[in-house]
Amino acid sequence: MDIIDTIKEQIANNTILLYMKGSPNAPQCGFSARAAQVVMACGEKFAYVDILQNPEIRANLPTYANWPTFPQLWVGGELVGGSDILIEMFEKGELQSLIKDAAEKAKAE
């Protein structure tokens, strides 16, 4: 399978997906740590991909997403953004609503 197809499949099969360095419980950079913290604080299950363990995804996702940096949060098939955007949205209460709504919609399907 082509790496872009793999990325598309991951995004399609996971309502809430965080591409990050490391894992939520053992992040490998500060930006990934903060992103994982705010997503976990939203209280819904989410998937993650450790781009350090997946160099092909690390190399190709920025082009596919048209977003150059990591972490990247995808919700409902759409790129939400990186660490700074997630923190700002969380502080306004927007991230919680977005994630909760996406999780409820996925459970209903």
PDB file of N, CA and C in Angstrom:
ATOM      1  N   MET A   1       0.857  -1.193   0.000  1.00  0.00           N
ATOM      2  CA  MET A   1       0.000   0.000   0.000  1.00  0.00           C
ATOM      3  C   MET A   1       0.893   1.244   0.000  1.00  0.00           C
ATOM      4  N   ASP A   2       0.540   2.200  -0.807  1.00  0.00           N
ATOM      5  CA  ASP A   2       1.238   3.480  -0.883  1.00  0.00           C
ATOM      6  C   ASP A   2       1.098   4.217   0.450  1.00  0.00           C
ATOM      7  N   ILE A   3       2.114   4.963   0.838  1.00  0.00           N
ATOM      8  CA  ILE A   3       2.101   5.646   2.143  1.00  0.00           C
ATOM      9  C   ILE A   3       0.972   6.679   2.229  1.00  0.00           C
ATOM     10  N   ILE A   4       0.666   7.340   1.132  1.00  0.00           N
ATOM     11  CA  ILE A   4      -0.449   8.308   1.137  1.00  0.00           C
ATOM     12  C   ILE A   4      -1.769   7.572   1.376  1.00  0.00           C
ATOM     13  N   ASP A   5      -1.918   6.382   0.782  1.00  0.00           N
ATOM     14  CA  ASP A   5      -3.119   5.577   1.032  1.00  0.00           C
ATOM     15  C   ASP A   5      -3.198   5.166   2.499  1.00  0.00           C
ATOM     16  N   THR A   6      -2.058   4.847   3.086  1.00  0.00           N
ATOM     17  CA  THR A   6      -2.013   4.493   4.505  1.00  0.00           C
ATOM     18  C   THR A   6      -2.467   5.673   5.359  1.00  0.00           C
ATOM     19  N   ILE A   7      -1.948   6.862   5.048  1.00  0.00           N
ATOM     20  CA  ILE A   7      -2.339   8.068   5.786  1.00  0.00           C
ATOM     21  C   ILE A   7      -3.839   8.316   5.647  1.00  0.00           C
ATOM     22  N   LYS A   8      -4.344   8.230   4.425  1.00  0.00           N
ATOM     23  CA  LYS A   8      -5.785   8.440   4.194  1.00  0.00           C
ATOM     24  C   LYS A   8      -6.619   7.438   4.983  1.00  0.00           C
ATOM     25  N   GLU A   9      -6.170   6.190   5.014  1.00  0.00           N
ATOM     26  CA  GLU A   9      -6.887   5.148   5.746  1.00  0.00           C
ATOM     27  C   GLU A   9      -6.873   5.421   7.254  1.00  0.00           C
ATOM     28  N   GLN A  10      -5.720   5.838   7.790  1.00  0.00           N
ATOM     29  CA  GLN A  10      -5.640   6.163   9.215  1.00  0.00           C
ATOM     30  C   GLN A  10      -6.603   7.284   9.566  1.00  0.00           C
ATOM     31  N   ILE A  11      -6.632   8.314   8.744  1.00  0.00           N
ATOM     32  CA  ILE A  11      -7.505   9.462   9.000  1.00  0.00           C
ATOM     33  C   ILE A  11      -8.974   9.059   8.883  1.00  0.00           C
ATOM     34  N   ALA A  12      -9.293   8.229   7.895  1.00  0.00           N
ATOM     35  CA  ALA A  12     -10.678   7.800   7.686  1.00  0.00           C
ATOM     36  C   ALA A  12     -11.160   6.864   8.791  1.00  0.00           C
ATOM     37  N   ASN A  13     -10.267   6.038   9.324  1.00  0.00           N
ATOM     38  CA  ASN A  13     -10.660   5.015  10.295  1.00  0.00           C
ATOM     39  C   ASN A  13     -10.591   5.464  11.749  1.00  0.00           C
ATOM     40  N   ASN A  14     -10.103   6.674  11.995  1.00  0.00           N
ATOM     41  CA  ASN A  14      -9.975   7.175  13.362  1.00  0.00           C
ATOM     42  C   ASN A  14     -10.599   8.566  13.456  1.00  0.00           C
ATOM     43  N   THR A  15     -11.707   8.652  14.158  1.00  0.00           N
ATOM     44  CA  THR A  15     -12.418   9.918  14.270  1.00  0.00           C
ATOM     45  C   THR A  15     -11.533  11.011  14.855  1.00  0.00           C
ATOM     46  N   ILE A  16     -10.754  10.652  15.866  1.00  0.00           N
ATOM     47  CA  ILE A  16      -9.850  11.603  16.519  1.00  0.00           C
ATOM     48  C   ILE A  16      -8.453  10.992  16.444  1.00  0.00           C
ATOM     49  N   LEU A  17      -7.570  11.641  15.702  1.00  0.00           N
ATOM     50  CA  LEU A  17      -6.245  11.079  15.431  1.00  0.00           C
ATOM     51  C   LEU A  17      -5.179  12.147  15.612  1.00  0.00           C
ATOM     52  N   LEU A  18      -4.195  11.831  16.439  1.00  0.00           N
ATOM     53  CA  LEU A  18      -3.100  12.751  16.700  1.00  0.00           C
ATOM     54  C   LEU A  18      -1.809  12.158  16.153  1.00  0.00           C
ATOM     55  N   TYR A  19      -1.232  12.839  15.184  1.00  0.00           N
ATOM     56  CA  TYR A  19       0.110  12.499  14.714  1.00  0.00           C
ATOM     57  C   TYR A  19       1.076  13.276  15.591  1.00  0.00           C
ATOM     58  N   MET A  20       1.981  12.556  16.251  1.00  0.00           N
ATOM     59  CA  MET A  20       2.836  13.204  17.238  1.00  0.00           C
ATOM     60  C   MET A  20       4.187  12.506  17.322  1.00  0.00           C
ATOM     61  N   LYS A  21       5.090  13.143  18.037  1.00  0.00           N
ATOM     62  CA  LYS A  21       6.387  12.538  18.319  1.00  0.00           C
ATOM     63  C   LYS A  21       6.280  11.834  19.663  1.00  0.00           C
ATOM     64  N   GLY A  22       6.377  10.497  19.634  1.00  0.00           N
ATOM     65  CA  GLY A  22       6.204   9.712  20.841  1.00  0.00           C
ATOM     66  C   GLY A  22       4.767   9.260  20.999  1.00  0.00           C
ATOM     67  N   SER A  23       4.386   9.008  22.245  1.00  0.00           N
ATOM     68  CA  SER A  23       3.023   8.584  22.554  1.00  0.00           C
ATOM     69  C   SER A  23       2.430   9.552  23.572  1.00  0.00           C
ATOM     70  N   PRO A  24       1.098   9.527  23.755  1.00  0.00           N
ATOM     71  CA  PRO A  24       0.494  10.447  24.720  1.00  0.00           C
ATOM     72  C   PRO A  24       1.089  10.316  26.126  1.00  0.00           C
ATOM     73  N   ASN A  25       1.450   9.110  26.519  1.00  0.00           N
ATOM     74  CA  ASN A  25       2.014   8.903  27.854  1.00  0.00           C
ATOM     75  C   ASN A  25       3.525   9.062  27.901  1.00  0.00           C
ATOM     76  N   ALA A  26       4.159   9.112  26.739  1.00  0.00           N
ATOM     77  CA  ALA A  26       5.612   9.294  26.678  1.00  0.00           C
ATOM     78  C   ALA A  26       5.972  10.143  25.459  1.00  0.00           C
ATOM     79  N   PRO A  27       5.524  11.410  25.457  1.00  0.00           N
ATOM     80  CA  PRO A  27       5.802  12.276  24.312  1.00  0.00           C
ATOM     81  C   PRO A  27       7.302  12.554  24.190  1.00  0.00           C
ATOM     82  N   GLN A  28       7.737  12.769  22.948  1.00  0.00           N
ATOM     83  CA  GLN A  28       9.156  12.972  22.687  1.00  0.00           C
ATOM     84  C   GLN A  28       9.500  14.413  22.332  1.00  0.00           C
ATOM     85  N   CYS A  29       8.544  15.317  22.457  1.00  0.00           N
ATOM     86  CA  CYS A  29       8.843  16.746  22.311  1.00  0.00           C
ATOM     87  C   CYS A  29       7.779  17.547  23.059  1.00  0.00           C
ATOM     88  N   GLY A  30       8.112  18.766  23.399  1.00  0.00           N
ATOM     89  CA  GLY A  30       7.205  19.604  24.177  1.00  0.00           C
ATOM     90  C   GLY A  30       5.902  19.915  23.467  1.00  0.00           C
ATOM     91  N   PHE A  31       5.970  20.152  22.161  1.00  0.00           N
ATOM     92  CA  PHE A  31       4.755  20.463  21.408  1.00  0.00           C
ATOM     93  C   PHE A  31       3.814  19.262  21.401  1.00  0.00           C
ATOM     94  N   SER A  32       4.371  18.068  21.181  1.00  0.00           N
ATOM     95  CA  SER A  32       3.548  16.858  21.207  1.00  0.00           C
ATOM     96  C   SER A  32       2.984  16.619  22.601  1.00  0.00           C
ATOM     97  N   ALA A  33       3.777  16.902  23.633  1.00  0.00           N
ATOM     98  CA  ALA A  33       3.304  16.735  25.009  1.00  0.00           C
ATOM     99  C   ALA A  33       2.105  17.629  25.278  1.00  0.00           C
ATOM    100  N   ARG A  34       2.207  18.892  24.902  1.00  0.00           N
ATOM    101  CA  ARG A  34       1.091  19.825  25.150  1.00  0.00           C
ATOM    102  C   ARG A  34      -0.141  19.444  24.332  1.00  0.00           C
ATOM    103  N   ALA A  35       0.067  19.046  23.086  1.00  0.00           N
ATOM    104  CA  ALA A  35      -1.065  18.647  22.245  1.00  0.00           C
ATOM    105  C   ALA A  35      -1.776  17.436  22.843  1.00  0.00           C
ATOM    106  N   ALA A  36      -0.996  16.431  23.246  1.00  0.00           N
ATOM    107  CA  ALA A  36      -1.593  15.230  23.830  1.00  0.00           C
ATOM    108  C   ALA A  36      -2.337  15.563  25.121  1.00  0.00           C
ATOM    109  N   GLN A  37      -1.785  16.467  25.930  1.00  0.00           N
ATOM    110  CA  GLN A  37      -2.434  16.843  27.197  1.00  0.00           C
ATOM    111  C   GLN A  37      -3.806  17.455  26.953  1.00  0.00           C
ATOM    112  N   VAL A  38      -3.903  18.396  26.003  1.00  0.00           N
ATOM    113  CA  VAL A  38      -5.198  19.038  25.783  1.00  0.00           C
ATOM    114  C   VAL A  38      -6.192  18.080  25.148  1.00  0.00           C
ATOM    115  N   VAL A  39      -5.726  17.193  24.264  1.00  0.00           N
ATOM    116  CA  VAL A  39      -6.648  16.218  23.674  1.00  0.00           C
ATOM    117  C   VAL A  39      -7.134  15.247  24.752  1.00  0.00           C
ATOM    118  N   MET A  40      -6.238  14.767  25.606  1.00  0.00           N
ATOM    119  CA  MET A  40      -6.644  13.876  26.697  1.00  0.00           C
ATOM    120  C   MET A  40      -7.611  14.578  27.647  1.00  0.00           C
ATOM    121  N   ALA A  41      -7.393  15.865  27.871  1.00  0.00           N
ATOM    122  CA  ALA A  41      -8.259  16.625  28.779  1.00  0.00           C
ATOM    123  C   ALA A  41      -9.680  16.761  28.240  1.00  0.00           C
ATOM    124  N   CYS A  42      -9.867  16.523  26.958  1.00  0.00           N
ATOM    125  CA  CYS A  42     -11.211  16.588  26.373  1.00  0.00           C
ATOM    126  C   CYS A  42     -12.044  15.358  26.726  1.00  0.00           C
ATOM    127  N   GLY A  43     -11.389  14.305  27.207  1.00  0.00           N
ATOM    128  CA  GLY A  43     -12.100  13.171  27.782  1.00  0.00           C
ATOM    129  C   GLY A  43     -12.616  12.124  26.823  1.00  0.00           C
ATOM    130  N   GLU A  44     -12.212  12.152  25.569  1.00  0.00           N
ATOM    131  CA  GLU A  44     -12.650  11.139  24.615  1.00  0.00           C
ATOM    132  C   GLU A  44     -11.461  10.288  24.199  1.00  0.00           C
ATOM    133  N   LYS A  45     -11.737   9.043  23.829  1.00  0.00           N
ATOM    134  CA  LYS A  45     -10.673   8.186  23.318  1.00  0.00           C
ATOM    135  C   LYS A  45     -10.190   8.746  21.989  1.00  0.00           C
ATOM    136  N   PHE A  46      -8.890   8.603  21.760  1.00  0.00           N
ATOM    137  CA  PHE A  46      -8.341   9.026  20.475  1.00  0.00           C
ATOM    138  C   PHE A  46      -7.191   8.118  20.092  1.00  0.00           C
ATOM    139  N   ALA A  47      -6.936   8.068  18.799  1.00  0.00           N
ATOM    140  CA  ALA A  47      -5.823   7.288  18.280  1.00  0.00           C
ATOM    141  C   ALA A  47      -4.631   8.216  18.092  1.00  0.00           C
ATOM    142  N   TYR A  48      -3.458   7.614  18.046  1.00  0.00           N
ATOM    143  CA  TYR A  48      -2.276   8.414  17.763  1.00  0.00           C
ATOM    144  C   TYR A  48      -1.324   7.608  16.896  1.00  0.00           C
ATOM    145  N   VAL A  49      -0.482   8.308  16.172  1.00  0.00           N
ATOM    146  CA  VAL A  49       0.580   7.692  15.387  1.00  0.00           C
ATOM    147  C   VAL A  49       1.873   8.371  15.797  1.00  0.00           C
ATOM    148  N   ASP A  50       2.834   7.561  16.222  1.00  0.00           N
ATOM    149  CA  ASP A  50       4.161   8.058  16.587  1.00  0.00           C
ATOM    150  C   ASP A  50       4.968   8.201  15.294  1.00  0.00           C
ATOM    151  N   ILE A  51       5.165   9.441  14.864  1.00  0.00           N
ATOM    152  CA  ILE A  51       5.866   9.660  13.598  1.00  0.00           C
ATOM    153  C   ILE A  51       7.351   9.315  13.695  1.00  0.00           C
ATOM    154  N   LEU A  52       7.888   9.244  14.896  1.00  0.00           N
ATOM    155  CA  LEU A  52       9.289   8.850  15.053  1.00  0.00           C
ATOM    156  C   LEU A  52       9.464   7.368  14.722  1.00  0.00           C
ATOM    157  N   GLN A  53       8.421   6.581  14.939  1.00  0.00           N
ATOM    158  CA  GLN A  53       8.445   5.150  14.604  1.00  0.00           C
ATOM    159  C   GLN A  53       7.978   4.891  13.174  1.00  0.00           C
ATOM    160  N   ASN A  54       7.491   5.938  12.511  1.00  0.00           N
ATOM    161  CA  ASN A  54       6.945   5.816  11.151  1.00  0.00           C
ATOM    162  C   ASN A  54       7.556   6.891  10.259  1.00  0.00           C
ATOM    163  N   PRO A  55       8.829   6.730   9.872  1.00  0.00           N
ATOM    164  CA  PRO A  55       9.515   7.783   9.117  1.00  0.00           C
ATOM    165  C   PRO A  55       8.864   8.132   7.778  1.00  0.00           C
ATOM    166  N   GLU A  56       8.205   7.153   7.147  1.00  0.00           N
ATOM    167  CA  GLU A  56       7.537   7.458   5.874  1.00  0.00           C
ATOM    168  C   GLU A  56       6.351   8.393   6.087  1.00  0.00           C
ATOM    169  N   ILE A  57       5.614   8.179   7.167  1.00  0.00           N
ATOM    170  CA  ILE A  57       4.501   9.073   7.482  1.00  0.00           C
ATOM    171  C   ILE A  57       5.057  10.447   7.839  1.00  0.00           C
ATOM    172  N   ARG A  58       6.111  10.473   8.631  1.00  0.00           N
ATOM    173  CA  ARG A  58       6.735  11.746   9.012  1.00  0.00           C
ATOM    174  C   ARG A  58       7.167  12.533   7.774  1.00  0.00           C
ATOM    175  N   ALA A  59       7.678  11.840   6.779  1.00  0.00           N
ATOM    176  CA  ALA A  59       8.163  12.501   5.566  1.00  0.00           C
ATOM    177  C   ALA A  59       7.036  12.947   4.633  1.00  0.00           C
ATOM    178  N   ASN A  60       5.926  12.206   4.607  1.00  0.00           N
ATOM    179  CA  ASN A  60       4.882  12.460   3.619  1.00  0.00           C
ATOM    180  C   ASN A  60       3.649  13.190   4.131  1.00  0.00           C
ATOM    181  N   LEU A  61       3.347  13.098   5.410  1.00  0.00           N
ATOM    182  CA  LEU A  61       2.134  13.738   5.933  1.00  0.00           C
ATOM    183  C   LEU A  61       2.138  15.260   5.759  1.00  0.00           C
ATOM    184  N   PRO A  62       3.258  15.948   5.989  1.00  0.00           N
ATOM    185  CA  PRO A  62       3.219  17.412   5.802  1.00  0.00           C
ATOM    186  C   PRO A  62       2.788  17.830   4.394  1.00  0.00           C
ATOM    187  N   THR A  63       3.196  17.084   3.390  1.00  0.00           N
ATOM    188  CA  THR A  63       2.789  17.395   2.017  1.00  0.00           C
ATOM    189  C   THR A  63       1.306  17.098   1.826  1.00  0.00           C
ATOM    190  N   TYR A  64       0.871  15.929   2.294  1.00  0.00           N
ATOM    191  CA  TYR A  64      -0.536  15.545   2.166  1.00  0.00           C
ATOM    192  C   TYR A  64      -1.437  16.550   2.881  1.00  0.00           C
ATOM    193  N   ALA A  65      -1.040  16.929   4.091  1.00  0.00           N
ATOM    194  CA  ALA A  65      -1.868  17.806   4.927  1.00  0.00           C
ATOM    195  C   ALA A  65      -1.722  19.280   4.569  1.00  0.00           C
ATOM    196  N   ASN A  66      -0.678  19.603   3.813  1.00  0.00           N
ATOM    197  CA  ASN A  66      -0.340  21.001   3.549  1.00  0.00           C
ATOM    198  C   ASN A  66      -0.120  21.738   4.874  1.00  0.00           C
ATOM    199  N   TRP A  67       0.536  21.031   5.793  1.00  0.00           N
ATOM    200  CA  TRP A  67       0.834  21.546   7.132  1.00  0.00           C
ATOM    201  C   TRP A  67       2.230  21.040   7.487  1.00  0.00           C
ATOM    202  N   PRO A  68       3.195  21.924   7.675  1.00  0.00           N
ATOM    203  CA  PRO A  68       4.598  21.488   7.721  1.00  0.00           C
ATOM    204  C   PRO A  68       5.085  20.876   9.028  1.00  0.00           C
ATOM    205  N   THR A  69       4.350  21.029  10.112  1.00  0.00           N
ATOM    206  CA  THR A  69       4.896  20.656  11.415  1.00  0.00           C
ATOM    207  C   THR A  69       4.071  19.581  12.108  1.00  0.00           C
ATOM    208  N   PHE A  70       4.638  19.057  13.174  1.00  0.00           N
ATOM    209  CA  PHE A  70       3.968  18.103  14.054  1.00  0.00           C
ATOM    210  C   PHE A  70       3.973  18.684  15.456  1.00  0.00           C
ATOM    211  N   PRO A  71       2.980  18.349  16.246  1.00  0.00           N
ATOM    212  CA  PRO A  71       1.901  17.392  16.031  1.00  0.00           C
ATOM    213  C   PRO A  71       0.822  17.939  15.088  1.00  0.00           C
ATOM    214  N   GLN A  72      -0.007  17.010  14.634  1.00  0.00           N
ATOM    215  CA  GLN A  72      -1.178  17.356  13.830  1.00  0.00           C
ATOM    216  C   GLN A  72      -2.366  16.598  14.400  1.00  0.00           C
ATOM    217  N   LEU A  73      -3.449  17.323  14.682  1.00  0.00           N
ATOM    218  CA  LEU A  73      -4.676  16.683  15.143  1.00  0.00           C
ATOM    219  C   LEU A  73      -5.687  16.682  14.005  1.00  0.00           C
ATOM    220  N   TRP A  74      -6.226  15.502  13.741  1.00  0.00           N
ATOM    221  CA  TRP A  74      -7.277  15.320  12.744  1.00  0.00           C
ATOM    222  C   TRP A  74      -8.540  14.888  13.473  1.00  0.00           C
ATOM    223  N   VAL A  75      -9.645  15.561  13.199  1.00  0.00           N
ATOM    224  CA  VAL A  75     -10.932  15.227  13.806  1.00  0.00           C
ATOM    225  C   VAL A  75     -11.963  15.123  12.690  1.00  0.00           C
ATOM    226  N   GLY A  76     -12.625  13.980  12.620  1.00  0.00           N
ATOM    227  CA  GLY A  76     -13.639  13.780  11.591  1.00  0.00           C
ATOM    228  C   GLY A  76     -13.090  13.937  10.183  1.00  0.00           C
ATOM    229  N   GLY A  77     -11.848  13.527   9.982  1.00  0.00           N
ATOM    230  CA  GLY A  77     -11.248  13.587   8.653  1.00  0.00           C
ATOM    231  C   GLY A  77     -10.673  14.930   8.271  1.00  0.00           C
ATOM    232  N   GLU A  78     -10.760  15.906   9.165  1.00  0.00           N
ATOM    233  CA  GLU A  78     -10.277  17.253   8.870  1.00  0.00           C
ATOM    234  C   GLU A  78      -9.099  17.605   9.775  1.00  0.00           C
ATOM    235  N   LEU A  79      -8.106  18.262   9.202  1.00  0.00           N
ATOM    236  CA  LEU A  79      -6.974  18.744   9.993  1.00  0.00           C
ATOM    237  C   LEU A  79      -7.430  19.918  10.849  1.00  0.00           C
ATOM    238  N   VAL A  80      -7.219  19.794  12.150  1.00  0.00           N
ATOM    239  CA  VAL A  80      -7.560  20.878  13.069  1.00  0.00           C
ATOM    240  C   VAL A  80      -6.370  21.822  13.209  1.00  0.00           C
ATOM    241  N   GLY A  81      -5.180  21.260  13.415  1.00  0.00           N
ATOM    242  CA  GLY A  81      -3.989  22.091  13.521  1.00  0.00           C
ATOM    243  C   GLY A  81      -2.952  21.475  14.431  1.00  0.00           C
ATOM    244  N   GLY A  82      -2.004  22.302  14.797  1.00  0.00           N
ATOM    245  CA  GLY A  82      -0.903  21.879  15.645  1.00  0.00           C
ATOM    246  C   GLY A  82      -1.076  22.342  17.075  1.00  0.00           C
ATOM    247  N   SER A  83      -0.012  22.252  17.815  1.00  0.00           N
ATOM    248  CA  SER A  83      -0.027  22.479  19.257  1.00  0.00           C
ATOM    249  C   SER A  83      -0.597  23.842  19.651  1.00  0.00           C
ATOM    250  N   ASP A  84      -0.097  24.916  19.065  1.00  0.00           N
ATOM    251  CA  ASP A  84      -0.555  26.261  19.443  1.00  0.00           C
ATOM    252  C   ASP A  84      -2.049  26.443  19.190  1.00  0.00           C
ATOM    253  N   ILE A  85      -2.505  25.963  18.040  1.00  0.00           N
ATOM    254  CA  ILE A  85      -3.927  26.078  17.702  1.00  0.00           C
ATOM    255  C   ILE A  85      -4.770  25.264  18.679  1.00  0.00           C
ATOM    256  N   LEU A  86      -4.308  24.053  18.996  1.00  0.00           N
ATOM    257  CA  LEU A  86      -5.066  23.199  19.924  1.00  0.00           C
ATOM    258  C   LEU A  86      -5.183  23.830  21.298  1.00  0.00           C
ATOM    259  N   ILE A  87      -4.090  24.398  21.786  1.00  0.00           N
ATOM    260  CA  ILE A  87      -4.107  25.040  23.107  1.00  0.00           C
ATOM    261  C   ILE A  87      -5.061  26.233  23.099  1.00  0.00           C
ATOM    262  N   GLU A  88      -4.991  27.040  22.058  1.00  0.00           N
ATOM    263  CA  GLU A  88      -5.876  28.202  21.953  1.00  0.00           C
ATOM    264  C   GLU A  88      -7.335  27.766  21.901  1.00  0.00           C
ATOM    265  N   MET A  89      -7.634  26.749  21.095  1.00  0.00           N
ATOM    266  CA  MET A  89      -9.009  26.244  21.004  1.00  0.00           C
ATOM    267  C   MET A  89      -9.473  25.668  22.334  1.00  0.00           C
ATOM    268  N   PHE A  90      -8.578  24.964  23.045  1.00  0.00           N
ATOM    269  CA  PHE A  90      -8.927  24.373  24.334  1.00  0.00           C
ATOM    270  C   PHE A  90      -9.264  25.467  25.336  1.00  0.00           C
ATOM    271  N   GLU A  91      -8.453  26.517  25.362  1.00  0.00           N
ATOM    272  CA  GLU A  91      -8.686  27.619  26.307  1.00  0.00           C
ATOM    273  C   GLU A  91     -10.017  28.314  26.058  1.00  0.00           C
ATOM    274  N   LYS A  92     -10.481  28.326  24.816  1.00  0.00           N
ATOM    275  CA  LYS A  92     -11.772  28.937  24.476  1.00  0.00           C
ATOM    276  C   LYS A  92     -12.930  27.961  24.619  1.00  0.00           C
ATOM    277  N   GLY A  93     -12.613  26.669  24.876  1.00  0.00           N
ATOM    278  CA  GLY A  93     -13.660  25.657  24.980  1.00  0.00           C
ATOM    279  C   GLY A  93     -14.072  25.068  23.648  1.00  0.00           C
ATOM    280  N   GLU A  94     -13.436  25.492  22.572  1.00  0.00           N
ATOM    281  CA  GLU A  94     -13.819  25.030  21.226  1.00  0.00           C
ATOM    282  C   GLU A  94     -13.356  23.601  20.956  1.00  0.00           C
ATOM    283  N   LEU A  95     -12.177  23.252  21.437  1.00  0.00           N
ATOM    284  CA  LEU A  95     -11.640  21.919  21.174  1.00  0.00           C
ATOM    285  C   LEU A  95     -12.486  20.844  21.851  1.00  0.00           C
ATOM    286  N   GLN A  96     -12.908  21.114  23.074  1.00  0.00           N
ATOM    287  CA  GLN A  96     -13.736  20.154  23.797  1.00  0.00           C
ATOM    288  C   GLN A  96     -15.021  19.867  23.021  1.00  0.00           C
ATOM    289  N   SER A  97     -15.663  20.913  22.534  1.00  0.00           N
ATOM    290  CA  SER A  97     -16.907  20.749  21.770  1.00  0.00           C
ATOM    291  C   SER A  97     -16.665  19.980  20.479  1.00  0.00           C
ATOM    292  N   LEU A  98     -15.615  20.339  19.765  1.00  0.00           N
ATOM    293  CA  LEU A  98     -15.293  19.697  18.494  1.00  0.00           C
ATOM    294  C   LEU A  98     -15.063  18.198  18.701  1.00  0.00           C
ATOM    295  N   ILE A  99     -14.259  17.859  19.690  1.00  0.00           N
ATOM    296  CA  ILE A  99     -13.926  16.457  19.939  1.00  0.00           C
ATOM    297  C   ILE A  99     -15.133  15.692  20.463  1.00  0.00           C
ATOM    298  N   LYS A 100     -15.882  16.280  21.376  1.00  0.00           N
ATOM    299  CA  LYS A 100     -17.071  15.618  21.929  1.00  0.00           C
ATOM    300  C   LYS A 100     -18.101  15.358  20.834  1.00  0.00           C
ATOM    301  N   ASP A 101     -18.341  16.357  20.003  1.00  0.00           N
ATOM    302  CA  ASP A 101     -19.322  16.195  18.910  1.00  0.00           C
ATOM    303  C   ASP A 101     -18.890  15.106  17.924  1.00  0.00           C
ATOM    304  N   ALA A 102     -17.598  15.091  17.584  1.00  0.00           N
ATOM    305  CA  ALA A 102     -17.086  14.088  16.647  1.00  0.00           C
ATOM    306  C   ALA A 102     -17.197  12.684  17.243  1.00  0.00           C
ATOM    307  N   ALA A 103     -16.881  12.554  18.522  1.00  0.00           N
ATOM    308  CA  ALA A 103     -16.959  11.250  19.186  1.00  0.00           C
ATOM    309  C   ALA A 103     -18.400  10.768  19.258  1.00  0.00           C
ATOM    310  N   GLU A 104     -19.342  11.658  19.574  1.00  0.00           N
ATOM    311  CA  GLU A 104     -20.752  11.281  19.638  1.00  0.00           C
ATOM    312  C   GLU A 104     -21.275  10.874  18.275  1.00  0.00           C
ATOM    313  N   LYS A 105     -20.873  11.607  17.259  1.00  0.00           N
ATOM    314  CA  LYS A 105     -21.299  11.283  15.883  1.00  0.00           C
ATOM    315  C   LYS A 105     -20.760   9.910  15.487  1.00  0.00           C
ATOM    316  N   ALA A 106     -19.517   9.610  15.819  1.00  0.00           N
ATOM    317  CA  ALA A 106     -18.910   8.335  15.474  1.00  0.00           C
ATOM    318  C   ALA A 106     -19.611   7.188  16.196  1.00  0.00           C
ATOM    319  N   LYS A 107     -19.999   7.405  17.457  1.00  0.00           N
ATOM    320  CA  LYS A 107     -20.685   6.361  18.229  1.00  0.00           C
ATOM    321  C   LYS A 107     -22.066   6.086  17.653  1.00  0.00           C
ATOM    322  N   ALA A 108     -22.706   7.113  17.100  1.00  0.00           N
ATOM    323  CA  ALA A 108     -24.054   6.987  16.551  1.00  0.00           C
ATOM    324  C   ALA A 108     -24.064   6.239  15.203  1.00  0.00           C
ATOM    325  N   GLU A 109     -22.922   6.265  14.525  1.00  0.00           N
ATOM    326  CA  GLU A 109     -22.873   5.651  13.186  1.00  0.00           C
ATOM    327  C   GLU A 109     -22.793   4.138  13.229  1.00  0.00           C
TER     328      GLU A 109
END
